[in-house]
Amino acid sequence: EMWSTRAHDTLEGCSCTHDAHGVIVNPACPATRHADAVLCVAISRDRLRVVSGSRDKTVKIWDFATGAEVHTMRGHTEGVNSVAISGDGARIASGSSDYLAKLWDAATGAEERTL
């Protein structure tokens, strides 16, 4: 299950089931829409968005309340191991096994910079 670290409550609609390899298999969980294992997740301070990074080389932004996919960002050539959301929610940073960090515009999903 996904938990709110502030309130210690279960996030609605995100009760996830995992297979023997730790891959999410419950279709009720938004992260199942990645093509491979989800490796990292971040929740925006305002609890409006969830960002996930996956072995499938993508970063996805989800609507926290509905679980709907907002954007899929492509550009990494290996799995995405880390994601972070800026304090104002305007930018997303991702890190990958391709030895690159990328900055993304959270509103459009557009890549802004590769570091």
N, C-alpha and C. Protein backbone atom coordinates (compact mmCIF):
# COMPACT_ATOMS: atom_id res chain seq x y z
N GLU A 1 0.84 -1.18 0.00
CA GLU A 1 0.00 0.00 0.00
C GLU A 1 0.88 1.24 0.00
N MET A 2 0.36 2.33 -0.53
CA MET A 2 1.06 3.61 -0.46
C MET A 2 0.52 4.36 0.75
N TRP A 3 1.40 5.03 1.48
CA TRP A 3 1.02 5.73 2.70
C TRP A 3 1.41 7.18 2.62
N SER A 4 0.62 8.02 3.26
CA SER A 4 0.98 9.41 3.45
C SER A 4 1.94 9.45 4.62
N THR A 5 3.14 9.99 4.42
CA THR A 5 4.11 10.03 5.51
C THR A 5 3.72 11.08 6.54
N ARG A 6 2.93 12.04 6.16
CA ARG A 6 2.52 13.08 7.10
C ARG A 6 1.39 12.59 8.00
N ALA A 7 0.37 11.97 7.42
CA ALA A 7 -0.81 11.60 8.19
C ALA A 7 -0.88 10.11 8.50
N HIS A 8 0.04 9.33 7.94
CA HIS A 8 0.05 7.88 8.14
C HIS A 8 -1.25 7.22 7.71
N ASP A 9 -1.84 7.74 6.67
CA ASP A 9 -3.06 7.14 6.16
C ASP A 9 -2.82 6.56 4.77
N THR A 10 -3.63 5.58 4.38
CA THR A 10 -3.50 4.97 3.07
C THR A 10 -4.03 5.93 2.03
N LEU A 11 -3.31 6.08 0.91
CA LEU A 11 -3.75 6.94 -0.16
C LEU A 11 -4.85 6.24 -0.94
N GLU A 12 -5.93 6.94 -1.16
CA GLU A 12 -7.09 6.36 -1.81
C GLU A 12 -6.76 5.81 -3.19
N GLY A 13 -7.23 4.61 -3.49
CA GLY A 13 -7.07 4.03 -4.81
C GLY A 13 -5.70 3.45 -5.11
N CYS A 14 -4.82 3.37 -4.12
CA CYS A 14 -3.48 2.90 -4.39
C CYS A 14 -3.10 1.69 -3.54
N SER A 15 -4.00 0.79 -3.35
CA SER A 15 -3.67 -0.44 -2.65
C SER A 15 -3.09 -1.39 -3.68
N CYS A 16 -1.77 -1.58 -3.65
CA CYS A 16 -1.08 -2.31 -4.70
C CYS A 16 -0.72 -3.72 -4.26
N THR A 17 -0.81 -4.65 -5.19
CA THR A 17 -0.39 -6.02 -4.98
C THR A 17 0.87 -6.24 -5.81
N HIS A 18 1.85 -6.98 -5.27
CA HIS A 18 3.11 -7.22 -5.95
C HIS A 18 3.27 -8.70 -6.26
N ASP A 19 3.92 -9.00 -7.37
CA ASP A 19 4.23 -10.40 -7.69
C ASP A 19 5.50 -10.81 -6.94
N ALA A 20 6.00 -12.01 -7.18
CA ALA A 20 7.16 -12.54 -6.47
C ALA A 20 8.43 -11.73 -6.71
N HIS A 21 8.46 -10.92 -7.77
CA HIS A 21 9.63 -10.11 -8.11
C HIS A 21 9.48 -8.66 -7.64
N GLY A 22 8.38 -8.36 -6.95
CA GLY A 22 8.16 -7.00 -6.46
C GLY A 22 7.51 -6.08 -7.46
N VAL A 23 7.08 -6.60 -8.61
CA VAL A 23 6.42 -5.78 -9.62
C VAL A 23 4.95 -5.62 -9.26
N ILE A 24 4.43 -4.40 -9.36
CA ILE A 24 3.04 -4.13 -9.04
C ILE A 24 2.14 -4.79 -10.08
N VAL A 25 1.16 -5.56 -9.62
CA VAL A 25 0.28 -6.28 -10.54
C VAL A 25 -1.20 -5.95 -10.35
N ASN A 26 -1.53 -5.12 -9.39
CA ASN A 26 -2.92 -4.78 -9.12
C ASN A 26 -3.38 -3.69 -10.10
N PRO A 27 -4.36 -3.96 -10.96
CA PRO A 27 -4.78 -2.94 -11.92
C PRO A 27 -5.40 -1.71 -11.28
N ALA A 28 -5.74 -1.76 -9.99
CA ALA A 28 -6.29 -0.58 -9.32
C ALA A 28 -5.21 0.44 -9.01
N CYS A 29 -3.96 0.04 -9.10
CA CYS A 29 -2.86 0.94 -8.80
C CYS A 29 -2.37 1.60 -10.09
N PRO A 30 -2.29 2.94 -10.12
CA PRO A 30 -1.88 3.63 -11.35
C PRO A 30 -0.53 3.20 -11.87
N ALA A 31 0.39 2.76 -11.01
CA ALA A 31 1.73 2.43 -11.45
C ALA A 31 1.77 1.21 -12.37
N THR A 32 0.66 0.46 -12.47
CA THR A 32 0.65 -0.69 -13.37
C THR A 32 0.70 -0.25 -14.82
N ARG A 33 0.53 1.00 -15.10
CA ARG A 33 0.54 1.47 -16.48
C ARG A 33 1.95 1.64 -17.03
N HIS A 34 2.98 1.46 -16.19
CA HIS A 34 4.34 1.41 -16.70
C HIS A 34 4.53 0.05 -17.35
N ALA A 35 5.43 -0.04 -18.33
CA ALA A 35 5.68 -1.29 -19.03
C ALA A 35 6.63 -2.21 -18.26
N ASP A 36 7.25 -1.71 -17.19
CA ASP A 36 8.17 -2.51 -16.39
C ASP A 36 8.08 -2.02 -14.96
N ALA A 37 8.91 -2.55 -14.08
CA ALA A 37 8.84 -2.25 -12.65
C ALA A 37 9.00 -0.77 -12.36
N VAL A 38 8.24 -0.29 -11.39
CA VAL A 38 8.38 1.07 -10.89
C VAL A 38 9.51 1.06 -9.87
N LEU A 39 10.49 1.95 -10.07
CA LEU A 39 11.68 1.98 -9.22
C LEU A 39 11.67 3.11 -8.20
N CYS A 40 10.85 4.15 -8.44
CA CYS A 40 10.84 5.29 -7.52
C CYS A 40 9.54 6.07 -7.68
N VAL A 41 9.14 6.72 -6.59
CA VAL A 41 7.90 7.50 -6.57
C VAL A 41 8.11 8.74 -5.71
N ALA A 42 7.51 9.86 -6.11
CA ALA A 42 7.51 11.08 -5.30
C ALA A 42 6.10 11.67 -5.33
N ILE A 43 5.71 12.29 -4.23
CA ILE A 43 4.40 12.93 -4.12
C ILE A 43 4.62 14.42 -3.92
N SER A 44 3.88 15.23 -4.67
CA SER A 44 4.04 16.68 -4.55
C SER A 44 3.56 17.15 -3.18
N ARG A 45 4.13 18.25 -2.72
CA ARG A 45 3.77 18.80 -1.40
C ARG A 45 2.28 19.09 -1.28
N ASP A 46 1.68 19.55 -2.37
CA ASP A 46 0.26 19.89 -2.34
C ASP A 46 -0.65 18.68 -2.53
N ARG A 47 -0.05 17.49 -2.69
CA ARG A 47 -0.76 16.23 -2.87
C ARG A 47 -1.68 16.24 -4.11
N LEU A 48 -1.28 16.99 -5.13
CA LEU A 48 -2.04 17.00 -6.37
C LEU A 48 -1.47 16.04 -7.40
N ARG A 49 -0.16 15.76 -7.33
CA ARG A 49 0.51 14.93 -8.33
C ARG A 49 1.39 13.86 -7.67
N VAL A 50 1.51 12.74 -8.37
CA VAL A 50 2.45 11.69 -8.02
C VAL A 50 3.33 11.49 -9.24
N VAL A 51 4.63 11.35 -9.03
CA VAL A 51 5.57 11.12 -10.12
C VAL A 51 6.21 9.76 -9.89
N SER A 52 6.31 8.96 -10.97
CA SER A 52 6.93 7.65 -10.86
C SER A 52 8.00 7.50 -11.94
N GLY A 53 9.05 6.76 -11.58
CA GLY A 53 10.11 6.43 -12.53
C GLY A 53 10.18 4.93 -12.64
N SER A 54 10.49 4.43 -13.83
CA SER A 54 10.40 3.00 -14.07
C SER A 54 11.60 2.44 -14.81
N ARG A 55 11.73 1.13 -14.69
CA ARG A 55 12.72 0.38 -15.46
C ARG A 55 12.42 0.51 -16.96
N ASP A 56 11.18 0.90 -17.32
CA ASP A 56 10.81 1.05 -18.73
C ASP A 56 11.36 2.34 -19.36
N LYS A 57 12.19 3.09 -18.59
CA LYS A 57 12.90 4.29 -19.07
C LYS A 57 12.02 5.53 -19.10
N THR A 58 10.83 5.48 -18.50
CA THR A 58 9.93 6.63 -18.52
C THR A 58 9.73 7.21 -17.13
N VAL A 59 9.32 8.48 -17.14
CA VAL A 59 8.85 9.18 -15.94
C VAL A 59 7.40 9.51 -16.22
N LYS A 60 6.53 9.23 -15.26
CA LYS A 60 5.11 9.52 -15.44
C LYS A 60 4.62 10.43 -14.33
N ILE A 61 3.72 11.34 -14.71
CA ILE A 61 3.03 12.19 -13.75
C ILE A 61 1.59 11.72 -13.70
N TRP A 62 1.08 11.55 -12.46
CA TRP A 62 -0.28 11.06 -12.22
C TRP A 62 -1.06 12.08 -11.41
N ASP A 63 -2.35 12.14 -11.63
CA ASP A 63 -3.23 12.93 -10.79
C ASP A 63 -3.42 12.17 -9.48
N PHE A 64 -3.09 12.79 -8.37
CA PHE A 64 -3.14 12.12 -7.07
C PHE A 64 -4.55 11.65 -6.72
N ALA A 65 -5.55 12.48 -6.99
CA ALA A 65 -6.92 12.18 -6.58
C ALA A 65 -7.57 11.08 -7.41
N THR A 66 -7.30 11.08 -8.73
CA THR A 66 -8.00 10.15 -9.61
C THR A 66 -7.15 8.97 -10.08
N GLY A 67 -5.82 9.11 -9.99
CA GLY A 67 -4.92 8.09 -10.51
C GLY A 67 -4.73 8.17 -12.02
N ALA A 68 -5.31 9.19 -12.65
CA ALA A 68 -5.19 9.34 -14.10
C ALA A 68 -3.78 9.80 -14.47
N GLU A 69 -3.27 9.25 -15.56
CA GLU A 69 -1.97 9.66 -16.08
C GLU A 69 -2.09 11.05 -16.68
N VAL A 70 -1.17 11.94 -16.30
CA VAL A 70 -1.17 13.32 -16.81
C VAL A 70 -0.17 13.46 -17.94
N HIS A 71 1.05 12.96 -17.75
CA HIS A 71 2.11 13.03 -18.76
C HIS A 71 3.01 11.80 -18.65
N THR A 72 3.57 11.41 -19.79
CA THR A 72 4.66 10.44 -19.81
C THR A 72 5.86 11.14 -20.44
N MET A 73 6.98 11.13 -19.73
CA MET A 73 8.18 11.76 -20.24
C MET A 73 9.17 10.69 -20.66
N ARG A 74 9.65 10.83 -21.88
CA ARG A 74 10.62 9.89 -22.45
C ARG A 74 11.90 10.64 -22.79
N GLY A 75 13.03 9.99 -22.62
CA GLY A 75 14.30 10.61 -22.94
C GLY A 75 15.47 9.86 -22.34
N HIS A 76 15.23 9.13 -21.27
CA HIS A 76 16.29 8.31 -20.69
C HIS A 76 16.46 7.05 -21.54
N THR A 77 17.69 6.54 -21.57
CA THR A 77 17.97 5.32 -22.35
C THR A 77 18.12 4.09 -21.47
N GLU A 78 18.01 4.27 -20.15
CA GLU A 78 18.04 3.18 -19.17
C GLU A 78 16.95 3.46 -18.14
N GLY A 79 16.78 2.54 -17.20
CA GLY A 79 15.75 2.69 -16.18
C GLY A 79 15.93 3.94 -15.34
N VAL A 80 14.81 4.50 -14.90
CA VAL A 80 14.80 5.71 -14.07
C VAL A 80 14.82 5.28 -12.60
N ASN A 81 15.89 5.66 -11.89
CA ASN A 81 16.11 5.22 -10.51
C ASN A 81 15.67 6.22 -9.46
N SER A 82 15.52 7.49 -9.84
CA SER A 82 15.13 8.50 -8.85
C SER A 82 14.32 9.60 -9.51
N VAL A 83 13.35 10.11 -8.75
CA VAL A 83 12.56 11.26 -9.19
C VAL A 83 12.37 12.19 -8.00
N ALA A 84 12.25 13.47 -8.27
CA ALA A 84 11.99 14.47 -7.24
C ALA A 84 11.13 15.57 -7.85
N ILE A 85 10.32 16.20 -7.01
CA ILE A 85 9.46 17.30 -7.44
C ILE A 85 9.93 18.55 -6.71
N SER A 86 10.09 19.66 -7.44
CA SER A 86 10.51 20.91 -6.80
C SER A 86 9.46 21.36 -5.80
N GLY A 87 9.87 22.17 -4.84
CA GLY A 87 8.97 22.64 -3.79
C GLY A 87 7.72 23.34 -4.31
N ASP A 88 7.87 24.05 -5.42
CA ASP A 88 6.70 24.74 -5.99
C ASP A 88 5.92 23.87 -6.96
N GLY A 89 6.40 22.64 -7.19
CA GLY A 89 5.70 21.71 -8.07
C GLY A 89 5.87 21.97 -9.55
N ALA A 90 6.68 22.95 -9.91
CA ALA A 90 6.82 23.34 -11.31
C ALA A 90 7.80 22.48 -12.10
N ARG A 91 8.75 21.83 -11.42
CA ARG A 91 9.79 21.05 -12.09
C ARG A 91 9.89 19.66 -11.50
N ILE A 92 10.31 18.73 -12.34
CA ILE A 92 10.58 17.37 -11.92
C ILE A 92 12.01 17.05 -12.33
N ALA A 93 12.74 16.40 -11.44
CA ALA A 93 14.08 15.93 -11.75
C ALA A 93 14.05 14.41 -11.77
N SER A 94 14.79 13.82 -12.71
CA SER A 94 14.89 12.36 -12.78
C SER A 94 16.34 11.97 -12.96
N GLY A 95 16.69 10.83 -12.38
CA GLY A 95 18.02 10.27 -12.53
C GLY A 95 17.91 8.84 -13.03
N SER A 96 18.85 8.44 -13.86
CA SER A 96 18.74 7.16 -14.54
C SER A 96 20.07 6.41 -14.54
N SER A 97 19.97 5.11 -14.82
CA SER A 97 21.16 4.28 -14.99
C SER A 97 21.92 4.64 -16.26
N ASP A 98 21.41 5.56 -17.07
CA ASP A 98 22.13 6.03 -18.24
C ASP A 98 23.14 7.13 -17.88
N TYR A 99 23.32 7.35 -16.55
CA TYR A 99 24.26 8.32 -16.01
C TYR A 99 23.85 9.76 -16.27
N LEU A 100 22.57 9.98 -16.53
CA LEU A 100 22.07 11.32 -16.79
C LEU A 100 21.00 11.71 -15.79
N ALA A 101 20.95 13.02 -15.50
CA ALA A 101 19.84 13.61 -14.76
C ALA A 101 19.12 14.52 -15.74
N LYS A 102 17.80 14.53 -15.66
CA LYS A 102 17.00 15.36 -16.55
C LYS A 102 16.06 16.22 -15.72
N LEU A 103 15.82 17.43 -16.20
CA LEU A 103 14.83 18.33 -15.61
C LEU A 103 13.67 18.46 -16.57
N TRP A 104 12.46 18.39 -16.01
CA TRP A 104 11.23 18.39 -16.81
C TRP A 104 10.29 19.48 -16.33
N ASP A 105 9.51 20.06 -17.23
CA ASP A 105 8.45 20.99 -16.88
C ASP A 105 7.25 20.15 -16.44
N ALA A 106 6.80 20.32 -15.20
CA ALA A 106 5.71 19.49 -14.67
C ALA A 106 4.37 19.80 -15.33
N ALA A 107 4.17 21.00 -15.82
CA ALA A 107 2.90 21.36 -16.44
C ALA A 107 2.74 20.77 -17.84
N THR A 108 3.85 20.69 -18.59
CA THR A 108 3.77 20.24 -19.98
C THR A 108 4.39 18.87 -20.22
N GLY A 109 5.27 18.44 -19.30
CA GLY A 109 6.01 17.21 -19.50
C GLY A 109 7.21 17.36 -20.40
N ALA A 110 7.50 18.58 -20.82
CA ALA A 110 8.62 18.83 -21.74
C ALA A 110 9.97 18.75 -21.01
N GLU A 111 10.94 18.15 -21.66
CA GLU A 111 12.29 18.11 -21.12
C GLU A 111 12.90 19.49 -21.22
N GLU A 112 13.46 19.97 -20.12
CA GLU A 112 14.06 21.30 -20.10
C GLU A 112 15.59 21.26 -20.19
N ARG A 113 16.18 20.22 -19.59
CA ARG A 113 17.64 20.18 -19.54
C ARG A 113 18.11 18.77 -19.21
N THR A 114 19.27 18.42 -19.75
CA THR A 114 19.95 17.19 -19.38
C THR A 114 21.25 17.56 -18.71
N LEU A 115 21.50 16.95 -17.58
CA LEU A 115 22.70 17.25 -16.80
C LEU A 115 23.62 16.02 -16.79
